[in-house]
Protein backbone atom coordinates (compact mmCIF):
# COMPACT_ATOMS: atom_id res chain seq x y z
CA UNK A 1 134.53 84.54 122.06
CA UNK A 2 135.59 86.76 119.50
CA UNK A 3 133.17 85.00 116.97
CA UNK A 4 129.87 85.87 119.63
CA UNK A 5 130.91 89.11 119.63
CA UNK A 6 131.31 89.73 116.43
CA UNK A 7 128.32 87.91 115.22
CA UNK A 8 126.74 89.66 118.13
CA UNK A 9 128.09 93.15 116.66
CA UNK A 10 126.62 92.17 112.91
CA UNK A 11 123.21 91.40 114.43
CA UNK A 12 123.39 94.71 115.77
CA UNK A 13 123.92 96.52 112.58
CA UNK A 14 122.06 94.51 110.71
CA UNK A 15 118.97 95.44 112.98
CA UNK A 16 119.46 99.01 112.58
CA UNK A 17 119.58 99.17 108.84
CA UNK A 18 116.28 97.90 109.29
CA UNK A 19 115.45 100.12 111.82
CA UNK A 20 116.18 102.58 109.56
CA UNK A 21 114.63 101.75 106.47
CA UNK A 22 110.86 101.22 108.44
CA UNK A 23 111.32 104.91 109.00
CA UNK A 24 111.56 106.00 105.29
CA UNK A 25 107.92 106.56 104.00
CA UNK A 26 107.52 104.89 100.74
CA UNK A 27 106.41 108.37 98.44
CA UNK A 28 103.38 108.85 96.27
CA UNK A 29 103.02 108.53 93.04
CA UNK A 30 100.43 110.88 90.84
CA UNK A 31 99.25 108.59 87.83
CA UNK A 32 96.80 109.51 85.20
CA UNK A 33 94.90 106.24 84.22
CA UNK A 34 92.08 106.29 81.43
CA UNK A 35 90.53 108.09 79.15
CA UNK A 36 89.67 111.13 80.76
CA UNK A 37 93.07 111.46 82.35
CA UNK A 38 91.30 110.71 85.96
CA UNK A 39 94.00 110.85 88.79
CA UNK A 40 95.14 108.41 91.00
CA UNK A 41 97.39 108.06 93.81
CA UNK A 42 99.55 105.29 94.56
CA UNK A 43 101.63 104.37 97.44
CA UNK A 44 103.72 100.71 98.09
CA UNK A 45 102.37 99.78 94.36
CA UNK A 46 98.52 100.45 95.69
CA UNK A 47 96.29 102.65 93.97
CA UNK A 48 94.59 104.91 96.61
CA UNK A 49 91.08 106.54 95.93
CA UNK A 50 90.62 110.36 97.25
CA UNK A 51 89.36 108.96 100.45
CA UNK A 52 91.64 106.85 101.59
CA UNK A 53 94.55 109.78 100.68
CA UNK A 54 92.36 111.91 102.88
CA UNK A 55 92.60 109.35 106.30
CA UNK A 56 96.63 108.64 105.31
CA UNK A 57 96.45 112.48 105.70
CA UNK A 58 94.51 112.86 108.59
CA UNK A 59 96.40 110.30 110.30
CA UNK A 60 100.09 112.21 110.06
CA UNK A 61 99.97 115.53 112.38
CA UNK A 62 102.68 117.28 109.63
CA UNK A 63 99.84 116.92 107.40
CA UNK A 64 96.82 118.82 109.39
CA UNK A 65 97.21 121.98 107.06
CA UNK A 66 96.61 120.43 103.72
CA UNK A 67 93.79 117.84 105.34
CA UNK A 68 90.57 120.95 106.00
CA UNK A 69 90.57 122.10 102.45
CA UNK A 70 91.24 118.19 100.81
CA UNK A 71 88.96 117.09 102.91
CA UNK A 72 85.89 119.70 102.16
CA UNK A 73 86.41 120.14 98.18
CA UNK A 74 86.37 116.21 98.30
CA UNK A 75 82.61 116.04 100.13
CA UNK A 76 81.17 119.31 98.25
CA UNK A 77 82.23 117.77 95.50
CA UNK A 78 80.96 114.50 95.83
CA UNK A 79 77.80 115.56 97.72
CA UNK A 80 76.88 117.75 94.68
CA UNK A 81 77.42 115.17 92.06
CA UNK A 82 75.47 112.56 94.05
CA UNK A 83 72.31 115.34 94.27
CA UNK A 84 72.58 115.37 90.23
CA UNK A 85 72.52 111.85 90.00
CA UNK A 86 69.03 111.83 92.57
CA UNK A 87 67.47 114.68 90.87
CA UNK A 88 68.30 113.76 87.43
CA UNK A 89 66.85 110.28 88.29
CA UNK A 90 63.53 111.17 89.52
CA UNK A 91 62.30 113.20 86.22
CA UNK A 92 63.74 110.16 84.15
CA UNK A 93 61.80 107.46 85.85
CA UNK A 94 58.45 109.58 85.73
CA UNK A 95 59.22 109.70 82.21
CA UNK A 96 59.00 105.86 81.53
CA UNK A 97 55.58 106.06 83.17
CA UNK A 98 52.59 107.30 81.30
CA UNK A 99 50.76 108.49 84.23
CA UNK A 100 52.86 111.82 84.94
CA UNK A 101 53.99 114.31 83.60
CA UNK A 102 57.93 114.82 84.66
CA UNK A 103 59.11 117.80 86.00
CA UNK A 104 62.14 118.89 84.02
CA UNK A 105 63.28 121.59 86.33
CA UNK A 106 64.87 119.01 88.71
CA UNK A 107 66.94 117.82 85.57
CA UNK A 108 68.03 121.25 84.60
CA UNK A 109 68.85 121.77 88.92
CA UNK A 110 70.36 118.69 88.86
CA UNK A 111 72.73 120.07 85.33
CA UNK A 112 73.25 122.82 87.79
CA UNK A 113 74.58 120.28 90.41
CA UNK A 114 77.02 118.43 88.49
CA UNK A 115 78.67 121.36 86.44
CA UNK A 116 79.28 123.25 90.20
CA UNK A 117 80.68 119.86 91.40
CA UNK A 118 83.71 120.22 88.22
CA UNK A 119 85.37 123.23 90.06
CA UNK A 120 85.31 121.61 93.74
CA UNK A 121 87.02 118.16 91.97
CA UNK A 122 89.74 120.27 90.23
CA UNK A 123 90.25 122.51 93.52
CA UNK A 124 90.37 119.11 94.98
CA UNK A 125 93.30 118.04 92.58
CA UNK A 126 95.24 120.63 92.87
CA UNK A 127 95.09 120.95 97.12
CA UNK A 128 95.94 116.82 97.13
CA UNK A 129 99.04 117.36 94.36
CA UNK A 130 100.19 120.03 96.96
CA UNK A 131 99.44 117.96 99.76
CA UNK A 132 101.55 114.88 97.89
CA UNK A 133 104.53 117.18 96.59
CA UNK A 134 104.41 118.29 100.66
CA UNK A 135 104.59 114.37 101.90
CA UNK A 136 107.17 113.16 99.25
CA UNK A 137 109.46 115.97 100.09
CA UNK A 138 109.93 114.90 103.59
CA UNK A 139 107.27 118.29 105.00
CA UNK A 140 109.81 120.39 103.42
CA UNK A 141 108.21 123.81 102.26
CA UNK A 142 108.52 124.04 98.36
CA UNK A 143 111.03 126.96 97.41
CA UNK A 144 109.22 127.69 93.84
CA UNK A 145 105.69 128.49 95.57
CA UNK A 146 103.52 131.20 94.17
CA UNK A 147 100.48 133.01 95.70
CA UNK A 148 97.63 131.67 94.86
CA UNK A 149 93.60 132.04 95.78
CA UNK A 150 91.24 129.67 96.94
CA UNK A 151 88.11 128.70 97.76
CA UNK A 152 87.63 127.29 100.96
CA UNK A 153 85.45 126.74 103.43
CA UNK A 154 85.82 128.51 107.33
CA UNK A 155 83.46 128.80 110.04
CA UNK A 156 81.79 131.36 108.57
CA UNK A 157 80.76 129.79 104.93
CA UNK A 158 82.58 129.49 102.05
CA UNK A 159 85.09 132.02 101.19
CA UNK A 160 88.23 133.14 98.92
CA UNK A 161 91.72 132.92 100.55
CA UNK A 162 94.19 134.53 99.58
CA UNK A 163 97.52 131.94 100.19
CA UNK A 164 100.99 133.00 99.77
């Protein structure tokens, strides 16, 4: 009888330890890979794309303040990059055919879109780094926080936000 009670107590304690181990979240690592030092987010030894990082934070109610700037900056960056690719490919393909004189103004606009996407990518990385630091700290606000001036998308369009 004592062995059965001891075994039951041991299994209960073992189950509590296992349940406690599942509630602790795995931290997200920020790594730089490649020649151009592209930032990669890694959780549980799995490299995450930015869309996966956004979905991870979107499903977490404690991260709702971080999702909107991250998703907005990422979306604008990718839209501008895709627009640049489309606009530059049209005159290039037209230049290959002898029938048409290509409209190189589209290529110039494409270069402007590509350059305009760079700040949004940097703002995405900065906001994602802040969100990852908040997530890794167990939802504790940083004590060494400094005020920043951010570009954000609001109800009335693009604007500046001073964050203290």
